[in-house]
Amino acid sequence: MSTNFNHEDWISQVEAARLRGVTRQAINKLIQAGRLETLTIGGKVLVSRASLALFEPKKAGRPAKVRHSVEAKK
């Protein structure tokens, strides 16, 4: 089996945290939630540089309730 592995496409959790300006623990929580693509080699978890670049945080807090407008009766 042949795999095209480019080590520049994968970074450590520490490097990912530095690039995003957050803690390593925050990156680990995103990994545990399945929000970042990872690769484990020799017990070390690496983060996909591409998935980190495309990552968009969710809006904080509860989702807003959907309000339906009711057309006024005449």
PDB file of N, CA and C in Angstrom:
ATOM      1  N   MET A   1       0.843  -1.180   0.000  1.00  0.00           N
ATOM      2  CA  MET A   1       0.000   0.000   0.000  1.00  0.00           C
ATOM      3  C   MET A   1       0.884   1.237   0.000  1.00  0.00           C
ATOM      4  N   SER A   2       0.617   2.125  -0.916  1.00  0.00           N
ATOM      5  CA  SER A   2       1.405   3.350  -1.045  1.00  0.00           C
ATOM      6  C   SER A   2       0.588   4.532  -0.538  1.00  0.00           C
ATOM      7  N   THR A   3       1.211   5.335   0.282  1.00  0.00           N
ATOM      8  CA  THR A   3       0.550   6.522   0.821  1.00  0.00           C
ATOM      9  C   THR A   3       1.420   7.736   0.540  1.00  0.00           C
ATOM     10  N   ASN A   4       0.789   8.785   0.024  1.00  0.00           N
ATOM     11  CA  ASN A   4       1.511  10.040  -0.203  1.00  0.00           C
ATOM     12  C   ASN A   4       1.442  10.848   1.078  1.00  0.00           C
ATOM     13  N   PHE A   5       2.480  10.744   1.896  1.00  0.00           N
ATOM     14  CA  PHE A   5       2.519  11.448   3.174  1.00  0.00           C
ATOM     15  C   PHE A   5       3.475  12.611   3.054  1.00  0.00           C
ATOM     16  N   ASN A   6       2.964  13.799   3.237  1.00  0.00           N
ATOM     17  CA  ASN A   6       3.792  14.992   3.229  1.00  0.00           C
ATOM     18  C   ASN A   6       3.807  15.532   4.651  1.00  0.00           C
ATOM     19  N   HIS A   7       4.972  15.460   5.286  1.00  0.00           N
ATOM     20  CA  HIS A   7       5.045  15.867   6.697  1.00  0.00           C
ATOM     21  C   HIS A   7       4.698  17.336   6.908  1.00  0.00           C
ATOM     22  N   GLU A   8       4.749  18.152   5.879  1.00  0.00           N
ATOM     23  CA  GLU A   8       4.402  19.569   6.019  1.00  0.00           C
ATOM     24  C   GLU A   8       2.889  19.779   6.121  1.00  0.00           C
ATOM     25  N   ASP A   9       2.099  18.757   5.765  1.00  0.00           N
ATOM     26  CA  ASP A   9       0.644  18.855   5.840  1.00  0.00           C
ATOM     27  C   ASP A   9       0.114  18.572   7.238  1.00  0.00           C
ATOM     28  N   TRP A  10       0.963  18.082   8.136  1.00  0.00           N
ATOM     29  CA  TRP A  10       0.557  17.686   9.475  1.00  0.00           C
ATOM     30  C   TRP A  10       1.411  18.404  10.498  1.00  0.00           C
ATOM     31  N   ILE A  11       0.764  18.935  11.539  1.00  0.00           N
ATOM     32  CA  ILE A  11       1.488  19.682  12.570  1.00  0.00           C
ATOM     33  C   ILE A  11       1.100  19.165  13.955  1.00  0.00           C
ATOM     34  N   SER A  12       1.918  19.479  14.948  1.00  0.00           N
ATOM     35  CA  SER A  12       1.638  19.062  16.323  1.00  0.00           C
ATOM     36  C   SER A  12       0.486  19.887  16.887  1.00  0.00           C
ATOM     37  N   GLN A  13      -0.082  19.388  17.978  1.00  0.00           N
ATOM     38  CA  GLN A  13      -1.149  20.124  18.646  1.00  0.00           C
ATOM     39  C   GLN A  13      -0.635  21.462  19.183  1.00  0.00           C
ATOM     40  N   VAL A  14       0.605  21.471  19.637  1.00  0.00           N
ATOM     41  CA  VAL A  14       1.206  22.705  20.153  1.00  0.00           C
ATOM     42  C   VAL A  14       1.318  23.746  19.036  1.00  0.00           C
ATOM     43  N   GLU A  15       1.781  23.312  17.866  1.00  0.00           N
ATOM     44  CA  GLU A  15       1.903  24.222  16.727  1.00  0.00           C
ATOM     45  C   GLU A  15       0.524  24.706  16.281  1.00  0.00           C
ATOM     46  N   ALA A  16      -0.467  23.810  16.266  1.00  0.00           N
ATOM     47  CA  ALA A  16      -1.835  24.183  15.894  1.00  0.00           C
ATOM     48  C   ALA A  16      -2.377  25.250  16.854  1.00  0.00           C
ATOM     49  N   ALA A  17      -2.108  25.054  18.141  1.00  0.00           N
ATOM     50  CA  ALA A  17      -2.560  26.024  19.138  1.00  0.00           C
ATOM     51  C   ALA A  17      -1.886  27.375  18.928  1.00  0.00           C
ATOM     52  N   ARG A  18      -0.602  27.355  18.636  1.00  0.00           N
ATOM     53  CA  ARG A  18       0.136  28.602  18.406  1.00  0.00           C
ATOM     54  C   ARG A  18      -0.429  29.341  17.194  1.00  0.00           C
ATOM     55  N   LEU A  19      -0.703  28.603  16.115  1.00  0.00           N
ATOM     56  CA  LEU A  19      -1.227  29.231  14.902  1.00  0.00           C
ATOM     57  C   LEU A  19      -2.615  29.832  15.111  1.00  0.00           C
ATOM     58  N   ARG A  20      -3.454  29.173  15.926  1.00  0.00           N
ATOM     59  CA  ARG A  20      -4.814  29.665  16.172  1.00  0.00           C
ATOM     60  C   ARG A  20      -4.899  30.643  17.338  1.00  0.00           C
ATOM     61  N   GLY A  21      -3.830  30.745  18.122  1.00  0.00           N
ATOM     62  CA  GLY A  21      -3.847  31.660  19.262  1.00  0.00           C
ATOM     63  C   GLY A  21      -4.684  31.148  20.419  1.00  0.00           C
ATOM     64  N   VAL A  22      -4.701  29.824  20.579  1.00  0.00           N
ATOM     65  CA  VAL A  22      -5.444  29.206  21.677  1.00  0.00           C
ATOM     66  C   VAL A  22      -4.511  28.252  22.427  1.00  0.00           C
ATOM     67  N   THR A  23      -5.018  27.611  23.468  1.00  0.00           N
ATOM     68  CA  THR A  23      -4.201  26.660  24.216  1.00  0.00           C
ATOM     69  C   THR A  23      -4.205  25.288  23.541  1.00  0.00           C
ATOM     70  N   ARG A  24      -3.239  24.455  23.930  1.00  0.00           N
ATOM     71  CA  ARG A  24      -3.194  23.102  23.407  1.00  0.00           C
ATOM     72  C   ARG A  24      -4.421  22.329  23.869  1.00  0.00           C
ATOM     73  N   GLN A  25      -4.907  22.644  25.061  1.00  0.00           N
ATOM     74  CA  GLN A  25      -6.092  21.984  25.576  1.00  0.00           C
ATOM     75  C   GLN A  25      -7.318  22.301  24.712  1.00  0.00           C
ATOM     76  N   ALA A  26      -7.401  23.514  24.213  1.00  0.00           N
ATOM     77  CA  ALA A  26      -8.508  23.890  23.326  1.00  0.00           C
ATOM     78  C   ALA A  26      -8.445  23.088  22.030  1.00  0.00           C
ATOM     79  N   ILE A  27      -7.245  22.912  21.496  1.00  0.00           N
ATOM     80  CA  ILE A  27      -7.070  22.100  20.283  1.00  0.00           C
ATOM     81  C   ILE A  27      -7.459  20.660  20.577  1.00  0.00           C
ATOM     82  N   ASN A  28      -7.056  20.143  21.735  1.00  0.00           N
ATOM     83  CA  ASN A  28      -7.387  18.775  22.110  1.00  0.00           C
ATOM     84  C   ASN A  28      -8.905  18.585  22.212  1.00  0.00           C
ATOM     85  N   LYS A  29      -9.612  19.569  22.751  1.00  0.00           N
ATOM     86  CA  LYS A  29     -11.083  19.483  22.845  1.00  0.00           C
ATOM     87  C   LYS A  29     -11.709  19.426  21.453  1.00  0.00           C
ATOM     88  N   LEU A  30     -11.167  20.211  20.513  1.00  0.00           N
ATOM     89  CA  LEU A  30     -11.678  20.184  19.137  1.00  0.00           C
ATOM     90  C   LEU A  30     -11.419  18.825  18.484  1.00  0.00           C
ATOM     91  N   ILE A  31     -10.272  18.245  18.785  1.00  0.00           N
ATOM     92  CA  ILE A  31      -9.942  16.916  18.259  1.00  0.00           C
ATOM     93  C   ILE A  31     -10.911  15.888  18.835  1.00  0.00           C
ATOM     94  N   GLN A  32     -11.140  15.932  20.150  1.00  0.00           N
ATOM     95  CA  GLN A  32     -12.047  14.982  20.807  1.00  0.00           C
ATOM     96  C   GLN A  32     -13.469  15.112  20.261  1.00  0.00           C
ATOM     97  N   ALA A  33     -13.861  16.327  19.883  1.00  0.00           N
ATOM     98  CA  ALA A  33     -15.200  16.567  19.331  1.00  0.00           C
ATOM     99  C   ALA A  33     -15.280  16.206  17.852  1.00  0.00           C
ATOM    100  N   GLY A  34     -14.140  15.821  17.261  1.00  0.00           N
ATOM    101  CA  GLY A  34     -14.128  15.437  15.847  1.00  0.00           C
ATOM    102  C   GLY A  34     -14.182  16.610  14.894  1.00  0.00           C
ATOM    103  N   ARG A  35     -13.784  17.782  15.355  1.00  0.00           N
ATOM    104  CA  ARG A  35     -13.875  18.982  14.524  1.00  0.00           C
ATOM    105  C   ARG A  35     -12.612  19.273  13.741  1.00  0.00           C
ATOM    106  N   LEU A  36     -11.506  18.538  14.047  1.00  0.00           N
ATOM    107  CA  LEU A  36     -10.260  18.688  13.304  1.00  0.00           C
ATOM    108  C   LEU A  36      -9.805  17.313  12.817  1.00  0.00           C
ATOM    109  N   GLU A  37      -9.272  17.268  11.619  1.00  0.00           N
ATOM    110  CA  GLU A  37      -8.748  16.017  11.060  1.00  0.00           C
ATOM    111  C   GLU A  37      -7.389  15.720  11.692  1.00  0.00           C
ATOM    112  N   THR A  38      -7.198  14.477  12.112  1.00  0.00           N
ATOM    113  CA  THR A  38      -5.959  14.104  12.778  1.00  0.00           C
ATOM    114  C   THR A  38      -5.354  12.844  12.167  1.00  0.00           C
ATOM    115  N   LEU A  39      -4.098  12.629  12.511  1.00  0.00           N
ATOM    116  CA  LEU A  39      -3.350  11.444  12.108  1.00  0.00           C
ATOM    117  C   LEU A  39      -2.487  11.066  13.293  1.00  0.00           C
ATOM    118  N   THR A  40      -2.536   9.794  13.692  1.00  0.00           N
ATOM    119  CA  THR A  40      -1.729   9.336  14.820  1.00  0.00           C
ATOM    120  C   THR A  40      -0.577   8.490  14.295  1.00  0.00           C
ATOM    121  N   ILE A  41       0.626   8.900  14.649  1.00  0.00           N
ATOM    122  CA  ILE A  41       1.835   8.171  14.262  1.00  0.00           C
ATOM    123  C   ILE A  41       2.657   7.941  15.519  1.00  0.00           C
ATOM    124  N   GLY A  42       2.887   6.674  15.834  1.00  0.00           N
ATOM    125  CA  GLY A  42       3.686   6.339  17.001  1.00  0.00           C
ATOM    126  C   GLY A  42       3.143   6.914  18.289  1.00  0.00           C
ATOM    127  N   GLY A  43       1.826   7.005  18.398  1.00  0.00           N
ATOM    128  CA  GLY A  43       1.203   7.531  19.606  1.00  0.00           C
ATOM    129  C   GLY A  43       1.101   9.047  19.651  1.00  0.00           C
ATOM    130  N   LYS A  44       1.674   9.716  18.660  1.00  0.00           N
ATOM    131  CA  LYS A  44       1.620  11.183  18.616  1.00  0.00           C
ATOM    132  C   LYS A  44       0.494  11.614  17.673  1.00  0.00           C
ATOM    133  N   VAL A  45      -0.378  12.482  18.165  1.00  0.00           N
ATOM    134  CA  VAL A  45      -1.519  12.956  17.377  1.00  0.00           C
ATOM    135  C   VAL A  45      -1.115  14.218  16.633  1.00  0.00           C
ATOM    136  N   LEU A  46      -1.221  14.157  15.311  1.00  0.00           N
ATOM    137  CA  LEU A  46      -0.911  15.313  14.470  1.00  0.00           C
ATOM    138  C   LEU A  46      -2.211  15.876  13.903  1.00  0.00           C
ATOM    139  N   VAL A  47      -2.220  17.170  13.664  1.00  0.00           N
ATOM    140  CA  VAL A  47      -3.400  17.868  13.156  1.00  0.00           C
ATOM    141  C   VAL A  47      -3.157  18.261  11.706  1.00  0.00           C
ATOM    142  N   SER A  48      -4.172  18.077  10.882  1.00  0.00           N
ATOM    143  CA  SER A  48      -4.086  18.474   9.480  1.00  0.00           C
ATOM    144  C   SER A  48      -4.020  19.997   9.387  1.00  0.00           C
ATOM    145  N   ARG A  49      -2.986  20.484   8.729  1.00  0.00           N
ATOM    146  CA  ARG A  49      -2.836  21.929   8.551  1.00  0.00           C
ATOM    147  C   ARG A  49      -4.030  22.492   7.774  1.00  0.00           C
ATOM    148  N   ALA A  50      -4.527  21.737   6.789  1.00  0.00           N
ATOM    149  CA  ALA A  50      -5.657  22.195   5.973  1.00  0.00           C
ATOM    150  C   ALA A  50      -6.934  22.297   6.806  1.00  0.00           C
ATOM    151  N   SER A  51      -7.210  21.286   7.654  1.00  0.00           N
ATOM    152  CA  SER A  51      -8.433  21.342   8.461  1.00  0.00           C
ATOM    153  C   SER A  51      -8.358  22.468   9.487  1.00  0.00           C
ATOM    154  N   LEU A  52      -7.159  22.769   9.962  1.00  0.00           N
ATOM    155  CA  LEU A  52      -6.986  23.882  10.904  1.00  0.00           C
ATOM    156  C   LEU A  52      -7.251  25.214  10.203  1.00  0.00           C
ATOM    157  N   ALA A  53      -6.780  25.341   8.970  1.00  0.00           N
ATOM    158  CA  ALA A  53      -6.980  26.580   8.211  1.00  0.00           C
ATOM    159  C   ALA A  53      -8.453  26.791   7.864  1.00  0.00           C
ATOM    160  N   LEU A  54      -9.180  25.696   7.607  1.00  0.00           N
ATOM    161  CA  LEU A  54     -10.590  25.794   7.226  1.00  0.00           C
ATOM    162  C   LEU A  54     -11.538  25.839   8.421  1.00  0.00           C
ATOM    163  N   PHE A  55     -11.003  25.614   9.626  1.00  0.00           N
ATOM    164  CA  PHE A  55     -11.839  25.547  10.817  1.00  0.00           C
ATOM    165  C   PHE A  55     -12.505  26.889  11.097  1.00  0.00           C
ATOM    166  N   GLU A  56     -13.810  26.823  11.351  1.00  0.00           N
ATOM    167  CA  GLU A  56     -14.560  28.015  11.744  1.00  0.00           C
ATOM    168  C   GLU A  56     -15.246  27.718  13.068  1.00  0.00           C
ATOM    169  N   PRO A  57     -14.971  28.512  14.097  1.00  0.00           N
ATOM    170  CA  PRO A  57     -15.596  28.263  15.395  1.00  0.00           C
ATOM    171  C   PRO A  57     -17.107  28.436  15.335  1.00  0.00           C
ATOM    172  N   LYS A  58     -17.772  27.668  16.162  1.00  0.00           N
ATOM    173  CA  LYS A  58     -19.227  27.827  16.276  1.00  0.00           C
ATOM    174  C   LYS A  58     -19.506  29.080  17.080  1.00  0.00           C
ATOM    175  N   LYS A  59     -20.670  29.656  16.855  1.00  0.00           N
ATOM    176  CA  LYS A  59     -21.092  30.821  17.604  1.00  0.00           C
ATOM    177  C   LYS A  59     -21.294  30.423  19.061  1.00  0.00           C
ATOM    178  N   ALA A  60     -20.825  31.231  19.983  1.00  0.00           N
ATOM    179  CA  ALA A  60     -20.944  30.931  21.408  1.00  0.00           C
ATOM    180  C   ALA A  60     -22.390  31.049  21.874  1.00  0.00           C
ATOM    181  N   GLY A  61     -22.726  30.269  22.870  1.00  0.00           N
ATOM    182  CA  GLY A  61     -24.051  30.353  23.472  1.00  0.00           C
ATOM    183  C   GLY A  61     -25.065  29.439  22.822  1.00  0.00           C
ATOM    184  N   ARG A  62     -26.270  29.559  23.284  1.00  0.00           N
ATOM    185  CA  ARG A  62     -27.375  28.759  22.768  1.00  0.00           C
ATOM    186  C   ARG A  62     -27.782  29.217  21.383  1.00  0.00           C
ATOM    187  N   PRO A  63     -28.227  28.276  20.556  1.00  0.00           N
ATOM    188  CA  PRO A  63     -28.759  28.699  19.257  1.00  0.00           C
ATOM    189  C   PRO A  63     -30.031  29.524  19.464  1.00  0.00           C
ATOM    190  N   ALA A  64     -30.211  30.523  18.646  1.00  0.00           N
ATOM    191  CA  ALA A  64     -31.389  31.374  18.758  1.00  0.00           C
ATOM    192  C   ALA A  64     -32.637  30.603  18.346  1.00  0.00           C
ATOM    193  N   LYS A  65     -33.744  30.925  19.000  1.00  0.00           N
ATOM    194  CA  LYS A  65     -35.007  30.300  18.624  1.00  0.00           C
ATOM    195  C   LYS A  65     -35.460  30.862  17.291  1.00  0.00           C
ATOM    196  N   VAL A  66     -36.029  29.995  16.490  1.00  0.00           N
ATOM    197  CA  VAL A  66     -36.545  30.432  15.198  1.00  0.00           C
ATOM    198  C   VAL A  66     -37.924  31.027  15.433  1.00  0.00           C
ATOM    199  N   ARG A  67     -38.081  32.256  15.009  1.00  0.00           N
ATOM    200  CA  ARG A  67     -39.373  32.929  15.193  1.00  0.00           C
ATOM    201  C   ARG A  67     -40.043  33.028  13.829  1.00  0.00           C
ATOM    202  N   HIS A  68     -41.252  32.520  13.788  1.00  0.00           N
ATOM    203  CA  HIS A  68     -42.018  32.571  12.535  1.00  0.00           C
ATOM    204  C   HIS A  68     -42.947  33.771  12.595  1.00  0.00           C
ATOM    205  N   SER A  69     -42.932  34.525  11.532  1.00  0.00           N
ATOM    206  CA  SER A  69     -43.835  35.676  11.514  1.00  0.00           C
ATOM    207  C   SER A  69     -45.235  35.186  11.143  1.00  0.00           C
ATOM    208  N   VAL A  70     -46.213  35.723  11.823  1.00  0.00           N
ATOM    209  CA  VAL A  70     -47.589  35.375  11.570  1.00  0.00           C
ATOM    210  C   VAL A  70     -48.235  36.553  10.875  1.00  0.00           C
ATOM    211  N   GLU A  71     -48.814  36.287   9.724  1.00  0.00           N
ATOM    212  CA  GLU A  71     -49.451  37.340   8.964  1.00  0.00           C
ATOM    213  C   GLU A  71     -50.717  37.782   9.695  1.00  0.00           C
ATOM    214  N   ALA A  72     -50.822  39.066   9.915  1.00  0.00           N
ATOM    215  CA  ALA A  72     -51.964  39.611  10.662  1.00  0.00           C
ATOM    216  C   ALA A  72     -53.242  39.441   9.844  1.00  0.00           C
ATOM    217  N   LYS A  73     -54.316  39.018  10.541  1.00  0.00           N
ATOM    218  CA  LYS A  73     -55.610  38.861   9.861  1.00  0.00           C
ATOM    219  C   LYS A  73     -56.303  40.212   9.791  1.00  0.00           C
ATOM    220  N   LYS A  74     -56.961  40.445   8.709  1.00  0.00           N
ATOM    221  CA  LYS A  74     -57.671  41.729   8.527  1.00  0.00           C
ATOM    222  C   LYS A  74     -59.078  41.637   8.947  1.00  0.00           C
TER     223      LYS A  74
END
